[in-house]
Protein backbone atom coordinates (compact mmCIF):
# COMPACT_ATOMS: atom_id res chain seq x y z
CA MET A 1 -44.35 -19.70 -70.54
CA SER A 2 -43.73 -20.86 -67.17
CA PRO A 3 -46.80 -21.12 -65.03
CA ARG A 4 -44.66 -18.78 -62.10
CA ILE A 5 -44.96 -15.79 -65.30
CA THR A 6 -48.31 -16.26 -65.37
CA ARG A 7 -50.08 -16.89 -62.70
CA ALA A 8 -52.15 -14.04 -62.09
CA LEU A 9 -54.00 -15.40 -64.99
CA GLY A 10 -55.32 -17.94 -62.54
CA HIS A 11 -57.61 -15.02 -61.13
CA ARG A 12 -60.72 -15.07 -63.50
CA ASN A 13 -61.05 -11.39 -63.28
CA PHE A 14 -57.66 -10.51 -64.48
CA ARG A 15 -57.85 -13.20 -66.67
CA LEU A 16 -61.31 -11.53 -68.48
CA PHE A 17 -59.02 -8.01 -68.08
CA PHE A 18 -55.75 -9.11 -69.80
CA GLY A 19 -57.70 -10.34 -72.48
CA GLY A 20 -59.91 -7.56 -73.38
CA GLN A 21 -57.37 -5.00 -72.61
CA SER A 22 -55.11 -6.94 -75.29
CA VAL A 23 -57.44 -6.42 -77.85
CA SER A 24 -58.57 -2.87 -77.23
CA LEU A 25 -54.31 -1.78 -76.60
CA VAL A 26 -53.57 -3.07 -79.80
CA GLY A 27 -56.34 0.24 -81.08
CA THR A 28 -55.06 2.85 -79.50
CA TRP A 29 -51.27 1.73 -80.20
CA ILE A 30 -52.74 2.05 -83.85
CA THR A 31 -54.15 5.10 -83.38
CA ARG A 32 -51.01 6.99 -81.76
CA VAL A 33 -49.05 6.07 -84.25
CA ALA A 34 -51.73 7.20 -86.84
CA THR A 35 -52.20 10.96 -84.88
CA SER A 36 -48.16 10.78 -85.23
CA TRP A 37 -47.75 10.72 -88.59
CA LEU A 38 -50.92 12.70 -89.31
CA VAL A 39 -49.43 15.48 -87.60
CA TYR A 40 -46.54 15.39 -88.85
CA ARG A 41 -47.72 14.32 -92.70
CA LEU A 42 -49.84 17.65 -92.15
CA THR A 43 -47.27 20.14 -90.69
CA HIS A 44 -43.60 18.38 -90.74
CA SER A 45 -43.18 20.16 -87.77
CA PRO A 46 -41.27 18.49 -84.28
CA LEU A 47 -42.24 21.66 -82.72
CA LEU A 48 -46.31 20.58 -83.24
CA LEU A 49 -45.27 16.76 -82.41
CA GLY A 50 -44.38 18.26 -78.85
CA VAL A 51 -47.77 20.09 -78.94
CA VAL A 52 -50.10 16.98 -79.28
CA GLY A 53 -48.15 15.35 -77.36
CA PHE A 54 -48.90 18.24 -74.20
CA CYS A 55 -52.13 18.10 -75.15
CA GLY A 56 -53.14 14.78 -74.35
CA GLN A 57 -51.30 14.80 -71.61
CA ILE A 58 -51.66 17.88 -69.90
CA PRO A 59 -54.87 16.83 -68.20
CA SER A 60 -53.37 14.16 -66.35
CA LEU A 61 -51.43 16.77 -64.38
CA LEU A 62 -54.03 19.25 -63.72
CA LEU A 63 -56.93 16.70 -62.91
CA ALA A 64 -55.13 13.49 -61.74
CA PRO A 65 -55.13 14.58 -57.88
CA VAL A 66 -58.98 15.25 -57.97
CA ALA A 67 -59.32 12.18 -59.67
CA GLY A 68 -57.85 9.79 -57.43
CA VAL A 69 -59.92 11.17 -54.62
CA LEU A 70 -62.68 10.42 -56.46
CA VAL A 71 -61.31 6.79 -57.75
CA ASP A 72 -61.20 6.15 -53.71
CA ARG A 73 -64.50 7.12 -53.24
CA TRP A 74 -66.43 5.99 -56.44
CA ASP A 75 -66.95 2.15 -57.75
CA ARG A 76 -63.65 1.97 -59.58
CA HIS A 77 -65.46 -0.95 -61.94
CA GLY A 78 -67.57 2.20 -62.90
CA ILE A 79 -65.40 4.43 -63.67
CA LEU A 80 -63.24 2.10 -66.07
CA VAL A 81 -66.71 1.21 -67.87
CA TRP A 82 -67.38 4.70 -68.39
CA THR A 83 -63.87 5.69 -69.44
CA GLN A 84 -63.79 3.15 -71.89
CA VAL A 85 -66.93 4.37 -73.62
CA LEU A 86 -65.92 7.79 -73.45
CA SER A 87 -62.55 6.57 -75.44
CA MET A 88 -64.19 4.59 -77.75
CA LEU A 89 -66.70 7.83 -78.66
CA GLN A 90 -63.35 9.94 -79.17
CA SER A 91 -61.73 7.57 -81.16
CA LEU A 92 -64.71 7.57 -83.37
CA ALA A 93 -64.60 11.28 -83.60
CA LEU A 94 -61.54 11.22 -85.16
CA ALA A 95 -62.39 8.27 -87.24
CA VAL A 96 -65.25 10.54 -88.57
CA LEU A 97 -63.10 13.82 -89.31
CA ALA A 98 -60.26 11.98 -90.98
CA LEU A 99 -62.19 9.84 -93.16
CA SER A 100 -64.61 12.74 -94.42
CA GLY A 101 -61.54 15.10 -94.90
CA THR A 102 -62.35 17.73 -92.70
CA ILE A 103 -59.98 16.89 -90.02
CA THR A 104 -57.28 19.75 -89.49
CA VAL A 105 -54.73 20.05 -86.39
CA PRO A 106 -56.79 22.43 -84.00
CA TRP A 107 -59.53 19.02 -84.60
CA ILE A 108 -56.66 16.72 -83.69
CA LEU A 109 -55.46 18.72 -80.42
CA ALA A 110 -59.24 19.27 -79.36
CA LEU A 111 -59.56 15.50 -78.95
CA GLN A 112 -56.17 15.10 -77.44
CA VAL A 113 -57.18 17.06 -74.76
CA VAL A 114 -60.23 15.14 -74.04
CA GLN A 115 -58.47 12.04 -74.16
CA GLY A 116 -56.30 13.35 -71.64
CA ALA A 117 -59.03 14.68 -69.51
CA ILE A 118 -60.58 10.15 -69.80
CA ASN A 119 -57.61 9.37 -69.46
CA ALA A 120 -56.37 11.44 -65.71
CA PHE A 121 -59.93 9.12 -64.40
CA ASP A 122 -58.63 5.74 -66.40
CA THR A 123 -55.08 5.86 -65.39
CA PRO A 124 -55.51 5.53 -61.30
CA ALA A 125 -58.67 4.02 -61.51
CA ARG A 126 -57.15 1.23 -63.40
CA GLN A 127 -54.06 0.76 -61.58
CA ALA A 128 -56.10 0.90 -57.96
CA PHE A 129 -58.50 -1.87 -59.50
CA VAL A 130 -55.84 -3.83 -60.11
CA VAL A 131 -55.92 -5.51 -56.56
CA HIS A 132 -59.38 -6.51 -57.03
CA MET A 133 -59.03 -8.04 -60.08
CA VAL A 134 -56.26 -10.22 -58.14
CA GLU A 135 -57.44 -12.16 -54.88
CA ASP A 136 -54.22 -13.28 -53.69
CA ARG A 137 -52.26 -10.48 -52.60
CA ALA A 138 -48.77 -12.12 -53.56
CA ASP A 139 -49.62 -12.58 -57.27
CA LEU A 140 -50.26 -8.57 -57.54
CA PRO A 141 -46.85 -7.85 -58.63
CA ASN A 142 -47.06 -10.47 -61.38
CA ALA A 143 -50.14 -8.77 -62.29
CA ILE A 144 -48.35 -5.82 -62.77
CA ALA A 145 -45.73 -6.85 -64.71
CA LEU A 146 -48.24 -8.68 -66.81
CA ASN A 147 -50.15 -5.64 -67.26
CA SER A 148 -46.65 -4.36 -68.47
CA THR A 149 -46.69 -7.14 -70.68
CA MET A 150 -49.70 -6.50 -72.36
CA VAL A 151 -49.50 -2.65 -72.88
CA ASN A 152 -46.25 -3.49 -74.77
CA GLY A 153 -46.96 -6.55 -76.18
CA SER A 154 -49.68 -4.53 -77.88
CA ARG A 155 -46.99 -1.76 -78.43
CA ILE A 156 -45.43 -4.09 -80.99
CA ILE A 157 -48.37 -4.93 -82.58
CA GLY A 158 -50.24 -2.04 -82.83
CA PRO A 159 -47.38 0.36 -84.98
CA SER A 160 -46.62 -2.40 -86.95
CA ILE A 161 -50.41 -2.83 -88.24
CA GLY A 162 -51.04 1.22 -88.10
CA GLY A 163 -47.95 1.47 -90.09
CA ILE A 164 -49.36 -0.64 -92.55
CA VAL A 165 -52.90 0.68 -92.45
CA ILE A 166 -51.67 4.22 -93.16
CA ALA A 167 -49.94 3.23 -96.34
CA ALA A 168 -52.64 0.99 -97.86
CA VAL A 169 -55.93 3.54 -97.13
CA GLY A 170 -54.82 6.24 -94.54
CA GLU A 171 -55.29 7.55 -91.35
CA GLY A 172 -58.99 7.44 -90.63
CA TRP A 173 -58.97 3.81 -90.76
CA CYS A 174 -56.71 3.12 -87.75
CA PHE A 175 -59.08 5.49 -85.52
CA LEU A 176 -61.84 3.55 -86.80
CA ILE A 177 -60.21 0.00 -85.99
CA ASP A 178 -59.43 1.74 -82.59
CA ALA A 179 -63.20 2.79 -81.78
CA ILE A 180 -63.90 -0.70 -82.30
CA SER A 181 -61.08 -2.37 -80.25
CA TYR A 182 -62.98 -0.57 -76.79
CA VAL A 183 -65.61 -2.98 -77.61
CA ALA A 184 -63.83 -6.16 -76.47
CA VAL A 185 -62.70 -4.51 -72.76
CA ILE A 186 -65.74 -2.84 -72.13
CA ALA A 187 -67.28 -6.82 -72.59
CA SER A 188 -64.71 -7.98 -70.72
CA LEU A 189 -65.47 -5.19 -67.65
CA LEU A 190 -68.79 -6.16 -67.66
CA ALA A 191 -68.54 -9.78 -67.92
CA MET A 192 -66.89 -9.60 -64.11
CA ARG A 193 -67.83 -11.23 -61.00
CA LEU A 194 -66.90 -8.78 -58.20
CA PRO A 195 -66.98 -8.91 -54.18
CA ARG A 196 -69.78 -6.51 -53.14
CA ASP A 197 -67.01 -4.20 -51.13
CA VAL A 198 -65.96 -2.97 -54.82
CA THR A 199 -68.11 -0.30 -54.47
CA ALA A 200 -68.74 3.61 -53.20
CA ARG A 201 -67.11 4.85 -50.55
CA ARG A 202 -68.07 7.62 -48.10
CA HIS A 203 -65.30 10.09 -47.02
CA GLY A 204 -65.20 13.89 -45.92
CA ALA A 205 -64.53 17.05 -48.00
CA VAL A 206 -62.47 16.76 -51.00
CA LEU A 207 -59.65 19.45 -50.53
CA ASP A 208 -58.93 17.91 -47.08
CA GLU A 209 -58.87 14.05 -48.48
CA LEU A 210 -56.60 15.37 -51.21
CA ARG A 211 -54.00 17.10 -48.52
CA THR A 212 -53.97 14.03 -46.97
CA GLY A 213 -52.95 11.73 -50.03
CA PHE A 214 -49.94 14.67 -50.16
CA ARG A 215 -49.00 14.65 -47.32
CA TYR A 216 -48.83 10.76 -47.83
CA VAL A 217 -46.69 11.07 -50.51
CA ALA A 218 -44.46 13.89 -49.86
CA GLY A 219 -43.81 12.54 -45.98
CA PHE A 220 -42.97 8.77 -47.27
CA PRO A 221 -39.12 9.25 -48.55
CA PRO A 222 -39.39 5.76 -50.66
CA VAL A 223 -42.55 6.68 -52.03
CA ARG A 224 -41.27 10.39 -52.58
CA THR A 225 -38.20 9.35 -54.04
CA ALA A 226 -39.73 6.87 -56.52
CA LEU A 227 -42.43 9.39 -57.94
CA LEU A 228 -39.49 12.03 -58.36
CA LEU A 229 -37.75 9.48 -59.92
CA LEU A 230 -40.42 8.74 -62.59
CA ALA A 231 -41.44 12.35 -62.89
CA LEU A 232 -37.66 12.83 -64.15
CA VAL A 233 -37.63 10.27 -66.44
CA SER A 234 -41.13 10.84 -67.68
CA THR A 235 -39.73 14.46 -68.35
CA MET A 236 -36.36 14.43 -69.57
CA GLY A 237 -36.43 10.87 -71.74
CA MET A 238 -40.05 10.00 -72.50
CA PRO A 239 -40.24 13.05 -74.99
CA TYR A 240 -38.22 10.58 -77.35
CA THR A 241 -41.48 8.91 -78.50
CA VAL A 242 -43.33 12.05 -79.75
CA LEU A 243 -39.94 13.26 -81.56
CA MET A 244 -40.17 9.62 -83.51
CA PRO A 245 -41.79 10.76 -86.55
CA ASP A 246 -38.89 13.25 -86.99
CA ILE A 247 -35.93 10.71 -86.35
CA ALA A 248 -37.92 8.22 -89.08
CA SER A 249 -38.22 10.93 -91.47
CA ARG A 250 -35.64 13.31 -91.43
CA VAL A 251 -32.73 11.38 -89.82
CA LEU A 252 -33.53 7.89 -91.30
CA HIS A 253 -34.84 9.08 -94.57
CA GLY A 254 -38.18 6.33 -93.95
CA GLY A 255 -42.13 6.93 -93.87
CA PRO A 256 -44.68 5.39 -91.80
CA HIS A 257 -43.15 1.30 -92.31
CA THR A 258 -39.92 3.15 -90.69
CA LEU A 259 -41.66 4.59 -87.74
CA GLY A 260 -43.92 1.80 -87.15
CA GLY A 261 -40.50 -0.27 -86.81
CA LEU A 262 -39.21 1.58 -84.83
CA MET A 263 -41.92 1.89 -82.06
CA THR A 264 -42.46 -2.24 -82.31
CA ALA A 265 -38.17 -2.22 -81.62
CA SER A 266 -38.80 -0.12 -78.37
CA GLY A 267 -42.02 -2.34 -77.70
CA LEU A 268 -39.85 -5.42 -77.79
CA GLY A 269 -37.49 -4.58 -75.07
CA ALA A 270 -40.70 -3.17 -73.13
CA VAL A 271 -41.78 -7.00 -73.15
CA GLY A 272 -38.98 -8.53 -72.18
CA GLY A 273 -38.56 -5.88 -69.49
CA ALA A 274 -42.03 -7.03 -68.05
CA LEU A 275 -42.04 -10.77 -68.38
CA TYR A 276 -38.72 -10.57 -66.39
CA LEU A 277 -40.62 -8.19 -63.66
CA ALA A 278 -43.03 -11.42 -63.98
CA SER A 279 -40.91 -13.79 -64.04
CA ARG A 280 -39.12 -12.24 -60.04
CA ARG A 281 -40.71 -14.43 -56.83
CA SER A 282 -40.66 -10.98 -54.95
CA VAL A 283 -40.60 -7.43 -54.51
CA LEU A 284 -37.22 -7.25 -52.65
CA GLY A 285 -34.61 -5.79 -54.68
CA LEU A 286 -36.71 -3.91 -56.91
CA GLY A 287 -35.26 -0.69 -55.70
CA ARG A 288 -31.63 -1.69 -57.48
CA VAL A 289 -33.82 -2.45 -60.47
CA MET A 290 -35.36 0.79 -60.29
CA GLY A 291 -32.07 2.34 -61.01
CA LEU A 292 -30.74 0.39 -63.02
CA ALA A 293 -33.18 0.34 -65.78
CA THR A 294 -33.21 4.00 -65.50
CA ALA A 295 -29.73 4.37 -66.34
CA ALA A 296 -29.81 1.70 -69.04
CA PHE A 297 -32.90 3.55 -70.27
CA GLY A 298 -30.47 6.61 -70.49
CA ALA A 299 -27.69 5.23 -71.72
CA GLY A 300 -30.26 3.60 -74.80
CA LEU A 301 -31.63 7.11 -75.28
CA VAL A 302 -27.47 8.20 -75.67
CA ALA A 303 -27.01 5.97 -78.12
CA PHE A 304 -30.41 5.74 -80.18
CA ALA A 305 -29.29 10.12 -80.79
CA LEU A 306 -26.25 8.86 -82.17
CA ALA A 307 -27.78 6.52 -84.68
CA ARG A 308 -27.47 7.34 -88.43
CA THR A 309 -28.71 3.91 -89.67
CA LEU A 310 -31.62 2.01 -89.28
CA TRP A 311 -30.32 -1.11 -88.35
CA VAL A 312 -28.16 0.58 -84.94
CA ALA A 313 -31.49 2.59 -84.36
CA LEU A 314 -33.20 -1.27 -84.01
CA ILE A 315 -30.85 -2.74 -81.93
CA VAL A 316 -30.68 0.38 -79.03
CA LEU A 317 -34.39 0.58 -78.85
CA PRO A 318 -34.93 -2.28 -77.27
CA ILE A 319 -33.22 -1.44 -74.35
CA VAL A 320 -34.70 1.90 -74.21
CA GLY A 321 -37.87 0.25 -73.96
CA GLY A 322 -36.83 -2.57 -72.01
CA GLY A 323 -35.43 0.13 -69.50
CA MET A 324 -38.13 2.41 -69.43
CA MET A 325 -41.10 0.14 -68.98
CA VAL A 326 -38.66 -1.85 -65.94
CA GLU A 327 -38.50 1.52 -64.02
CA MET A 328 -42.11 2.36 -64.50
CA ALA A 329 -43.51 -1.06 -63.47
CA SER A 330 -41.29 -1.82 -60.71
CA THR A 331 -42.30 2.13 -59.20
CA ASN A 332 -45.86 0.45 -59.71
CA THR A 333 -45.28 -2.52 -57.78
CA VAL A 334 -43.48 -1.15 -54.99
CA LEU A 335 -46.48 1.78 -54.38
CA GLN A 336 -48.87 -0.60 -54.87
CA THR A 337 -47.27 -3.02 -52.15
CA VAL A 338 -46.62 -0.22 -49.61
CA VAL A 339 -50.09 1.91 -49.83
CA ASP A 340 -52.65 1.81 -47.72
CA GLU A 341 -56.13 0.47 -49.19
CA ASP A 342 -58.20 3.81 -48.09
CA LEU A 343 -55.07 5.84 -50.06
CA ARG A 344 -54.64 3.58 -53.07
CA GLY A 345 -56.37 5.72 -55.62
CA ARG A 346 -54.75 9.06 -54.59
CA VAL A 347 -51.44 7.72 -54.27
CA MET A 348 -51.77 6.11 -57.88
CA SER A 349 -53.18 9.70 -59.01
CA PHE A 350 -49.80 11.30 -58.37
CA TYR A 351 -48.16 8.01 -59.82
CA THR A 352 -50.41 9.02 -63.17
CA MET A 353 -48.89 12.88 -62.83
CA ALA A 354 -45.42 11.18 -62.24
CA PHE A 355 -45.54 9.33 -65.61
CA LEU A 356 -48.72 10.98 -67.62
CA GLY A 357 -48.88 13.83 -65.76
CA THR A 358 -45.30 15.47 -66.34
CA ALA A 359 -44.74 14.28 -70.25
CA PRO A 360 -46.29 17.10 -71.47
CA ILE A 361 -44.17 19.43 -69.78
CA GLY A 362 -41.62 17.40 -71.72
CA SER A 363 -43.28 16.85 -74.68
CA LEU A 364 -43.33 20.44 -75.02
CA LEU A 365 -40.23 21.35 -74.01
CA ALA A 366 -38.37 18.46 -76.50
CA GLY A 367 -40.37 19.64 -79.28
CA ALA A 368 -39.27 23.34 -79.30
CA ALA A 369 -35.71 22.46 -78.32
CA ALA A 370 -35.79 20.01 -81.13
CA ASP A 371 -37.22 22.94 -82.97
CA ARG A 372 -34.02 24.89 -82.29
CA PHE A 373 -31.71 22.68 -81.63
CA GLY A 374 -32.17 19.68 -83.69
CA THR A 375 -34.17 16.15 -82.54
CA THR A 376 -31.20 14.19 -82.04
CA GLY A 377 -29.36 16.84 -79.64
CA THR A 378 -32.50 17.34 -77.74
CA ILE A 379 -32.76 13.30 -76.88
CA LEU A 380 -29.14 12.90 -76.63
CA VAL A 381 -29.27 14.95 -73.30
CA GLY A 382 -32.62 13.18 -72.10
CA GLY A 383 -30.77 10.66 -71.79
CA VAL A 384 -27.83 11.94 -70.02
CA ALA A 385 -29.94 13.48 -67.46
CA CYS A 386 -31.63 10.29 -66.99
CA ILE A 387 -28.16 8.67 -66.47
CA ALA A 388 -27.68 11.12 -63.29
CA ALA A 389 -30.93 10.75 -61.63
CA ALA A 390 -30.18 6.99 -61.92
CA LEU A 391 -26.76 7.65 -59.76
CA ALA A 392 -28.43 10.10 -57.84
CA PHE A 393 -31.12 7.21 -56.90
CA LEU A 394 -28.56 4.44 -56.36
CA LEU A 395 -26.72 6.59 -53.71
CA ARG A 396 -30.08 7.04 -52.04
CA LEU A 397 -31.22 3.31 -52.35
CA PRO A 398 -29.62 1.95 -49.18
CA GLY A 399 -31.12 4.50 -46.94
CA LEU A 400 -34.67 3.96 -48.36
CA ARG A 401 -34.69 0.13 -48.06
CA GLU A 402 -34.63 0.29 -44.35
CA GLN A 403 -37.60 2.42 -44.72
CA VAL A 404 -39.75 0.16 -46.73
CA ARG A 405 -38.48 -3.62 -45.28
CA PRO A 406 -40.65 -3.29 -41.89
CA ILE A 407 -43.71 -3.08 -44.39
CA TYR A 408 -43.45 -5.73 -46.21
CA VAL A 409 -42.49 -8.17 -43.73
CA GLU A 410 -46.11 -6.64 -41.49
CA ARG A 411 -48.06 -7.37 -44.60
CA GLY A 412 -46.51 -10.76 -44.75
CA ILE A 413 -45.09 -10.07 -48.42
CA ILE A 414 -41.70 -11.26 -47.37
CA ALA A 415 -40.41 -13.20 -44.29
CA ALA A 416 -38.62 -10.98 -41.58
CA ALA A 417 -35.80 -13.37 -42.38
CA GLU A 418 -35.61 -12.74 -46.06
CA ALA A 419 -35.61 -8.71 -45.47
CA ASP A 420 -32.92 -9.31 -43.14
CA ALA A 421 -30.92 -11.51 -45.30
CA GLY A 422 -31.69 -8.82 -48.48
C-alpha cells in the first residue's frame, strides 16, 4: 500500500488506536449480524428488526447534544476508556443471556438501549479525539479516512465470521467473542502517551454551551447543509441495513451465510471508498465528492431493491457501501477541518445525531413501511429520496464553497493559490 495512503499511521497514538480498534470492531460487527439474525429467528418480523435498530440508536438523538458539551469539558481519552469497558460488559450480558437460553426480545431491546446510550458519548468523544492522536493536522483527513477503512474492513470480516459462528454454535458465542475483543482497544488506549493539554476543561453552564454549539451549527450554512444531507441519507437510506435479514431470507431465500455475504459485499465497497479518500492529498473538492457519493448511494439502493438474485445483490451492494462511506467520511473530514477546537466535541455530537441519531427514526419508519408495503419497496423509496437530496446539495454547492475556502486558507490547510484554482 502506498505510504501516502497510510501516512497517519506514522503517529504512534493513532497506530495504537488503529490496531486495537481493528480487533474490537470485528467483534462489534459479529454482534450486529448475530443480533439481527437472533431477533429475526425469534420473531420473523421486519417491524421488530426496525424496533431493534430504533432502540439501539435513539439514545444518540436524545443524549448526543449534552454528551458533546461534556466531551468538550472532560478528558476525551478517559471517556473512551470507560465507554469501551461498558460496551464490553454490555456484550458480556448478551452472551450470558443467549448461552443460558434465557434471552428474549425485551432483553435484547433493553440492552440495545444501553449500548445506544454508551455510543451517544463514545462517538463524539472518538471523533473529537482523533486530532489528539495525529500531531500534524495535515494528516487529519488521512486519519479520518483510515479510520473509516478500519471500520469497514471489520465490516467485511465480522459478518462473515458471524455467519459461520451462528450456523455452527449459535448467536451466544458471537456475543462472547465481541466481549473479549474489547480487551484489544482498551489496552491500546491505556498504552497511549498523550500531552498534558489533553485533559479536562472548565466551562460555563451546560445549557449555555449547548446553545453556543447549536448557534454555530445552525448559523454556518456549510456545516448546517452538510449535516442536513447526512441526516436525510441516514434516515431514508441507511435503514436498508436493518431490513437485510428479511431480504436475505424472503427475497433471496438464504440464511445467515447469505446475510453475512450481503453485509460483506457492502463492506467491500465501503473499504474501497475509504481507500479512495485516504489517497486524496487535500480537502479541496470534498463537497462535490459528498454530492456524487450520495447520488451513487441512492442509485445503488434502487438497484438493490430491484435485485431478485443473490449475484445481482452482491454486485450492487459495493456501490451502496462505497457511496454511504464516502459521504459520511467526507462530511466528517469537512467538519473536523472547519471547526474550532473549543467547539469540536459539540459539533461532532451534532454529527453523531445526524448519522446515528436520525437512524432510529428511519429504522422504525422503514420497519413499519416494510411490514405494510414490503421490504423492497421501502428500500427503493429511500434510494430515490437520497438521489433527490444529492441533486439539491450539488445545486447549492458553489455558494457553500465560497464560505469554506477562506477558513482553509486561514488555517494553512490549502494554499491561497490552490483555493483560487479550485
